[in-house]
C-alpha atoms as a PDB file:
ATOM      1  CA  MET A   1     -72.918  -9.272 -70.822  1.00  0.00           C
ATOM      2  CA  LYS A   2     -70.643  -7.521 -73.344  1.00  0.00           C
ATOM      3  CA  ARG A   3     -71.634  -4.153 -71.918  1.00  0.00           C
ATOM      4  CA  ILE A   4     -70.806  -5.292 -68.376  1.00  0.00           C
ATOM      5  CA  LEU A   5     -67.394  -6.565 -69.511  1.00  0.00           C
ATOM      6  CA  PHE A   6     -66.726  -3.312 -71.362  1.00  0.00           C
ATOM      7  CA  ILE A   7     -67.676  -1.238 -68.314  1.00  0.00           C
ATOM      8  CA  ALA A   8     -65.506  -3.412 -66.061  1.00  0.00           C
ATOM      9  CA  ALA A   9     -62.552  -3.062 -68.445  1.00  0.00           C
ATOM     10  CA  LEU A  10     -63.094   0.683 -68.680  1.00  0.00           C
ATOM     11  CA  SER A  11     -63.284   0.999 -64.884  1.00  0.00           C
ATOM     12  CA  THR A  12     -60.075  -0.977 -64.515  1.00  0.00           C
ATOM     13  CA  SER A  13     -58.383   1.275 -67.076  1.00  0.00           C
ATOM     14  CA  PHE A  14     -59.475   4.410 -65.211  1.00  0.00           C
ATOM     15  CA  ALA A  15     -58.345   2.915 -61.908  1.00  0.00           C
ATOM     16  CA  ALA A  16     -54.914   2.139 -63.354  1.00  0.00           C
ATOM     17  CA  VAL A  17     -54.559   5.691 -64.640  1.00  0.00           C
ATOM     18  CA  ALA A  18     -55.743   7.091 -61.313  1.00  0.00           C
ATOM     19  CA  HIS A  19     -52.989   5.166 -59.538  1.00  0.00           C
ATOM     20  CA  GLY A  20     -50.329   6.607 -61.843  1.00  0.00           C
ATOM     21  CA  GLN A  21     -49.798   3.558 -64.015  1.00  0.00           C
ATOM     22  CA  THR A  22     -48.876   4.064 -67.624  1.00  0.00           C
ATOM     23  CA  ALA A  23     -49.963   1.858 -70.514  1.00  0.00           C
ATOM     24  CA  GLU A  24     -46.439   0.481 -70.783  1.00  0.00           C
ATOM     25  CA  GLN A  25     -46.138  -0.708 -67.173  1.00  0.00           C
ATOM     26  CA  GLY A  26     -46.411  -4.459 -67.016  1.00  0.00           C
ATOM     27  CA  PHE A  27     -45.730  -4.872 -70.727  1.00  0.00           C
ATOM     28  CA  VAL A  28     -42.623  -6.856 -71.616  1.00  0.00           C
ATOM     29  CA  LYS A  29     -40.966  -7.511 -74.979  1.00  0.00           C
ATOM     30  CA  GLY A  30     -40.112 -11.081 -75.928  1.00  0.00           C
ATOM     31  CA  PRO A  31     -39.637 -13.889 -75.117  1.00  0.00           C
ATOM     32  CA  VAL A  32     -39.491 -15.032 -78.753  1.00  0.00           C
ATOM     33  CA  LEU A  33     -39.088 -11.773 -80.665  1.00  0.00           C
ATOM     34  CA  GLU A  34     -36.944  -9.999 -78.073  1.00  0.00           C
ATOM     35  CA  GLY A  35     -36.913  -6.478 -79.447  1.00  0.00           C
ATOM     36  CA  PHE A  36     -40.522  -6.242 -80.502  1.00  0.00           C
ATOM     37  CA  ALA A  37     -44.141  -6.285 -79.446  1.00  0.00           C
ATOM     38  CA  PRO A  38     -44.545  -5.800 -75.714  1.00  0.00           C
ATOM     39  CA  ALA A  39     -47.369  -7.745 -74.121  1.00  0.00           C
ATOM     40  CA  ALA A  40     -48.751  -7.989 -70.599  1.00  0.00           C
ATOM     41  CA  ALA A  41     -49.198 -11.114 -68.529  1.00  0.00           C
ATOM     42  CA  VAL A  42     -52.884 -11.789 -67.871  1.00  0.00           C
ATOM     43  CA  ASP A  43     -54.558 -14.077 -65.358  1.00  0.00           C
ATOM     44  CA  SER A  44     -56.953 -15.321 -68.027  1.00  0.00           C
ATOM     45  CA  ASP A  45     -60.217 -17.063 -67.238  1.00  0.00           C
ATOM     46  CA  LEU A  46     -60.375 -18.553 -70.736  1.00  0.00           C
ATOM     47  CA  GLU A  47     -58.820 -21.999 -70.636  1.00  0.00           C
ATOM     48  CA  ILE A  48     -56.520 -22.851 -73.541  1.00  0.00           C
ATOM     49  CA  PRO A  49     -56.667 -26.568 -74.404  1.00  0.00           C
ATOM     50  CA  ASP A  50     -53.304 -28.298 -74.012  1.00  0.00           C
ATOM     51  CA  ASP A  51     -53.379 -29.612 -77.569  1.00  0.00           C
ATOM     52  CA  MET A  52     -54.607 -26.435 -79.272  1.00  0.00           C
ATOM     53  CA  SER A  53     -52.660 -25.175 -82.256  1.00  0.00           C
ATOM     54  CA  PHE A  54     -52.800 -21.456 -83.016  1.00  0.00           C
ATOM     55  CA  LYS A  55     -52.903 -21.442 -86.829  1.00  0.00           C
ATOM     56  CA  ILE A  56     -53.889 -17.839 -87.452  1.00  0.00           C
ATOM     57  CA  ALA A  57     -53.749 -15.889 -90.721  1.00  0.00           C
ATOM     58  CA  PHE A  58     -53.175 -12.147 -90.425  1.00  0.00           C
ATOM     59  CA  ASP A  59     -54.345  -9.910 -93.268  1.00  0.00           C
ATOM     60  CA  ILE A  60     -52.274  -6.742 -93.607  1.00  0.00           C
ATOM     61  CA  SER A  61     -53.166  -4.005 -96.063  1.00  0.00           C
ATOM     62  CA  GLU A  62     -52.269  -0.839 -94.137  1.00  0.00           C
ATOM     63  CA  ALA A  63     -48.772   0.551 -94.652  1.00  0.00           C
ATOM     64  CA  ALA A  64     -46.789   1.639 -91.618  1.00  0.00           C
ATOM     65  CA  ASP A  65     -46.923   5.284 -90.669  1.00  0.00           C
ATOM     66  CA  GLU A  66     -43.886   7.073 -92.063  1.00  0.00           C
ATOM     67  CA  GLY A  67     -40.787   6.430 -89.982  1.00  0.00           C
ATOM     68  CA  LYS A  68     -42.556   3.944 -87.679  1.00  0.00           C
ATOM     69  CA  VAL A  69     -42.765   0.181 -87.345  1.00  0.00           C
ATOM     70  CA  SER A  70     -45.997  -1.227 -88.749  1.00  0.00           C
ATOM     71  CA  ARG A  71     -48.505  -1.759 -85.956  1.00  0.00           C
ATOM     72  CA  ARG A  72     -50.042  -4.574 -87.998  1.00  0.00           C
ATOM     73  CA  PHE A  73     -46.774  -6.539 -88.245  1.00  0.00           C
ATOM     74  CA  GLU A  74     -46.135  -5.804 -84.595  1.00  0.00           C
ATOM     75  CA  SER A  75     -49.507  -7.413 -83.791  1.00  0.00           C
ATOM     76  CA  VAL A  76     -48.233 -10.663 -85.270  1.00  0.00           C
ATOM     77  CA  ALA A  77     -45.071 -10.437 -83.159  1.00  0.00           C
ATOM     78  CA  ARG A  78     -47.206  -9.684 -80.095  1.00  0.00           C
ATOM     79  CA  PHE A  79     -49.364 -12.718 -80.854  1.00  0.00           C
ATOM     80  CA  ILE A  80     -46.255 -14.919 -80.801  1.00  0.00           C
ATOM     81  CA  ASN A  81     -44.690 -13.283 -77.746  1.00  0.00           C
ATOM     82  CA  MET A  82     -47.789 -13.194 -75.540  1.00  0.00           C
ATOM     83  CA  HIS A  83     -48.691 -16.819 -76.198  1.00  0.00           C
ATOM     84  CA  ALA A  84     -45.125 -18.018 -75.667  1.00  0.00           C
ATOM     85  CA  ALA A  85     -44.931 -16.003 -72.437  1.00  0.00           C
ATOM     86  CA  ALA A  86     -48.214 -17.631 -71.356  1.00  0.00           C
ATOM     87  CA  GLY A  87     -46.604 -21.058 -71.678  1.00  0.00           C
ATOM     88  CA  ILE A  88     -47.799 -22.097 -75.129  1.00  0.00           C
ATOM     89  CA  ALA A  89     -45.084 -24.112 -76.888  1.00  0.00           C
ATOM     90  CA  ARG A  90     -43.620 -22.171 -79.818  1.00  0.00           C
ATOM     91  CA  GLU A  91     -44.379 -25.012 -82.260  1.00  0.00           C
ATOM     92  CA  ARG A  92     -48.098 -24.596 -81.446  1.00  0.00           C
ATOM     93  CA  ILE A  93     -48.022 -20.899 -82.415  1.00  0.00           C
ATOM     94  CA  GLU A  94     -48.338 -20.788 -86.210  1.00  0.00           C
ATOM     95  CA  PRO A  95     -49.146 -17.365 -87.608  1.00  0.00           C
ATOM     96  CA  ALA A  96     -49.047 -16.620 -91.335  1.00  0.00           C
ATOM     97  CA  ILE A  97     -49.211 -13.177 -92.909  1.00  0.00           C
ATOM     98  CA  VAL A  98     -50.951 -12.145 -96.133  1.00  0.00           C
ATOM     99  CA  VAL A  99     -50.006  -8.672 -97.377  1.00  0.00           C
ATOM    100  CA  HIS A 100     -51.691  -6.595-100.065  1.00  0.00           C
ATOM    101  CA  GLY A 101     -52.322  -2.988-101.029  1.00  0.00           C
ATOM    102  CA  PRO A 102     -50.245  -0.180 -99.516  1.00  0.00           C
ATOM    103  CA  ALA A 103     -48.627  -2.534 -96.951  1.00  0.00           C
ATOM    104  CA  ALA A 104     -46.556  -4.015 -99.788  1.00  0.00           C
ATOM    105  CA  ALA A 105     -44.163  -1.093 -99.235  1.00  0.00           C
ATOM    106  CA  ASP A 106     -43.243  -2.605 -95.844  1.00  0.00           C
ATOM    107  CA  LEU A 107     -41.877  -5.710 -97.571  1.00  0.00           C
ATOM    108  CA  LEU A 108     -39.401  -3.938 -99.829  1.00  0.00           C
ATOM    109  CA  ARG A 109     -35.663  -4.280 -99.380  1.00  0.00           C
ATOM    110  CA  SER A 110     -34.044  -1.131 -98.065  1.00  0.00           C
ATOM    111  CA  ALA A 111     -30.578   0.041 -98.892  1.00  0.00           C
ATOM    112  CA  ASP A 112     -29.448  -0.864 -95.358  1.00  0.00           C
ATOM    113  CA  ASP A 113     -31.179   2.299 -94.185  1.00  0.00           C
ATOM    114  CA  GLU A 114     -33.237   1.448 -91.115  1.00  0.00           C
ATOM    115  CA  GLU A 115     -34.987   4.823 -91.199  1.00  0.00           C
ATOM    116  CA  ALA A 116     -36.133   4.246 -94.786  1.00  0.00           C
ATOM    117  CA  ALA A 117     -37.944   1.044 -93.846  1.00  0.00           C
ATOM    118  CA  PRO A 118     -38.272   0.652 -90.046  1.00  0.00           C
ATOM    119  CA  THR A 119     -40.541  -2.374 -90.411  1.00  0.00           C
ATOM    120  CA  ALA A 120     -37.868  -4.338 -92.297  1.00  0.00           C
ATOM    121  CA  ALA A 121     -36.110  -5.538 -89.127  1.00  0.00           C
ATOM    122  CA  LEU A 122     -39.398  -6.860 -87.745  1.00  0.00           C
ATOM    123  CA  VAL A 123     -40.272  -8.555 -91.055  1.00  0.00           C
ATOM    124  CA  GLU A 124     -36.836 -10.208 -91.062  1.00  0.00           C
ATOM    125  CA  ALA A 125     -37.271 -11.345 -87.444  1.00  0.00           C
ATOM    126  CA  LEU A 126     -40.684 -12.834 -88.243  1.00  0.00           C
ATOM    127  CA  LEU A 127     -39.238 -14.658 -91.252  1.00  0.00           C
ATOM    128  CA  GLU A 128     -36.372 -15.981 -89.106  1.00  0.00           C
ATOM    129  CA  GLU A 129     -38.992 -17.320 -86.691  1.00  0.00           C
ATOM    130  CA  GLY A 130     -40.528 -19.266 -89.559  1.00  0.00           C
ATOM    131  CA  VAL A 131     -43.578 -17.061 -90.068  1.00  0.00           C
ATOM    132  CA  PRO A 132     -44.594 -17.282 -93.739  1.00  0.00           C
ATOM    133  CA  ILE A 133     -45.264 -13.906 -95.325  1.00  0.00           C
ATOM    134  CA  TYR A 134     -47.126 -13.840 -98.629  1.00  0.00           C
ATOM    135  CA  LEU A 135     -47.425 -10.777-100.830  1.00  0.00           C
ATOM    136  CA  CYS A 136     -50.422 -10.562-103.122  1.00  0.00           C
ATOM    137  CA  GLY A 137     -49.120 -11.059-106.651  1.00  0.00           C
ATOM    138  CA  GLN A 138     -51.815  -8.774-108.015  1.00  0.00           C
ATOM    139  CA  THR A 139     -50.616  -5.963-105.738  1.00  0.00           C
ATOM    140  CA  ALA A 140     -47.021  -6.658-106.747  1.00  0.00           C
ATOM    141  CA  ALA A 141     -47.911  -6.509-110.442  1.00  0.00           C
ATOM    142  CA  ALA A 142     -49.914  -3.296-110.011  1.00  0.00           C
ATOM    143  CA  LYS A 143     -47.039  -1.647-108.125  1.00  0.00           C
ATOM    144  CA  GLY A 144     -44.255  -2.986-110.350  1.00  0.00           C
ATOM    145  CA  ILE A 145     -42.732  -5.015-107.522  1.00  0.00           C
ATOM    146  CA  GLY A 146     -40.592  -7.998-108.481  1.00  0.00           C
ATOM    147  CA  LYS A 147     -39.280 -10.803-106.280  1.00  0.00           C
ATOM    148  CA  ASP A 148     -35.851  -9.163-106.195  1.00  0.00           C
ATOM    149  CA  ASP A 149     -37.421  -6.053-104.654  1.00  0.00           C
ATOM    150  CA  LEU A 150     -38.661  -8.001-101.632  1.00  0.00           C
ATOM    151  CA  ILE A 151     -36.998  -8.732 -98.319  1.00  0.00           C
ATOM    152  CA  PRO A 152     -35.498 -12.219 -98.762  1.00  0.00           C
ATOM    153  CA  GLY A 153     -37.965 -14.862 -97.605  1.00  0.00           C
ATOM    154  CA  VAL A 154     -41.133 -12.983 -98.533  1.00  0.00           C
ATOM    155  CA  GLN A 155     -43.141 -15.128-100.960  1.00  0.00           C
ATOM    156  CA  LEU A 156     -45.465 -14.130-103.781  1.00  0.00           C
ATOM    157  CA  ALA A 157     -48.943 -15.597-103.979  1.00  0.00           C
ATOM    158  CA  LEU A 158     -51.201 -15.428-107.023  1.00  0.00           C
ATOM    159  CA  SER A 159     -53.384 -13.074-104.979  1.00  0.00           C
ATOM    160  CA  ALA A 160     -54.195 -12.282-101.367  1.00  0.00           C
ATOM    161  CA  MET A 161     -57.526 -14.027-101.846  1.00  0.00           C
ATOM    162  CA  THR A 162     -55.716 -17.138-103.071  1.00  0.00           C
ATOM    163  CA  ALA A 163     -53.314 -17.088-100.127  1.00  0.00           C
ATOM    164  CA  HIS A 164     -56.208 -16.866 -97.661  1.00  0.00           C
ATOM    165  CA  ALA A 165     -58.038 -19.716 -99.406  1.00  0.00           C
ATOM    166  CA  VAL A 166     -54.953 -21.951 -99.272  1.00  0.00           C
ATOM    167  CA  LEU A 167     -54.294 -21.077 -95.627  1.00  0.00           C
ATOM    168  CA  ALA A 168     -57.943 -21.746 -94.713  1.00  0.00           C
ATOM    169  CA  GLU A 169     -57.733 -25.133 -96.428  1.00  0.00           C
ATOM    170  CA  ASP A 170     -54.643 -25.824 -94.289  1.00  0.00           C
ATOM    171  CA  GLY A 171     -56.594 -25.112 -91.079  1.00  0.00           C
ATOM    172  CA  TYR A 172     -55.767 -21.431 -90.503  1.00  0.00           C
ATOM    173  CA  SER A 173     -58.431 -19.126 -89.148  1.00  0.00           C
ATOM    174  CA  LEU A 174     -58.484 -15.459 -90.063  1.00  0.00           C
ATOM    175  CA  ASN A 175     -57.572 -13.068 -87.261  1.00  0.00           C
ATOM    176  CA  PRO A 176     -60.391 -10.498 -87.084  1.00  0.00           C
ATOM    177  CA  PHE A 177     -58.168  -7.722 -85.668  1.00  0.00           C
END
């Protein structure tokens, strides 16, 4: 079954390219995080229960490519935007982010230099939307990062493992992507 779905998806992709479509056609930014994370509308066959809450923990360890917005943080924004655009009430969309390793660099304050830290604006937008972002305290200690070095609103956890354990206890599932 998986192979059939993969082949069907691949065929659809080739057909779209053959008709001159680009990957960006049909993808729209917003509606929650207006300047970030384009997503496409999909006529999904998977029914979403009306009372379902999307409590999802995202684990981010990869730093953004130099001069670019972190694809991993953008995935969180896309998660919010695509579900809101699909009619899921914003209060039912509850992502949380756990950061460790090299990705800690994406949580550092910049000297108002957007080029120095292009992910900062997205991190700030996620925080404004109420998305909790936890930095592994062990990573922070190893890298000499203090709370004053972080974008305001980013929280320290004892460790990434601890943050995931607490979030799991609170009903969050771990996003596998």
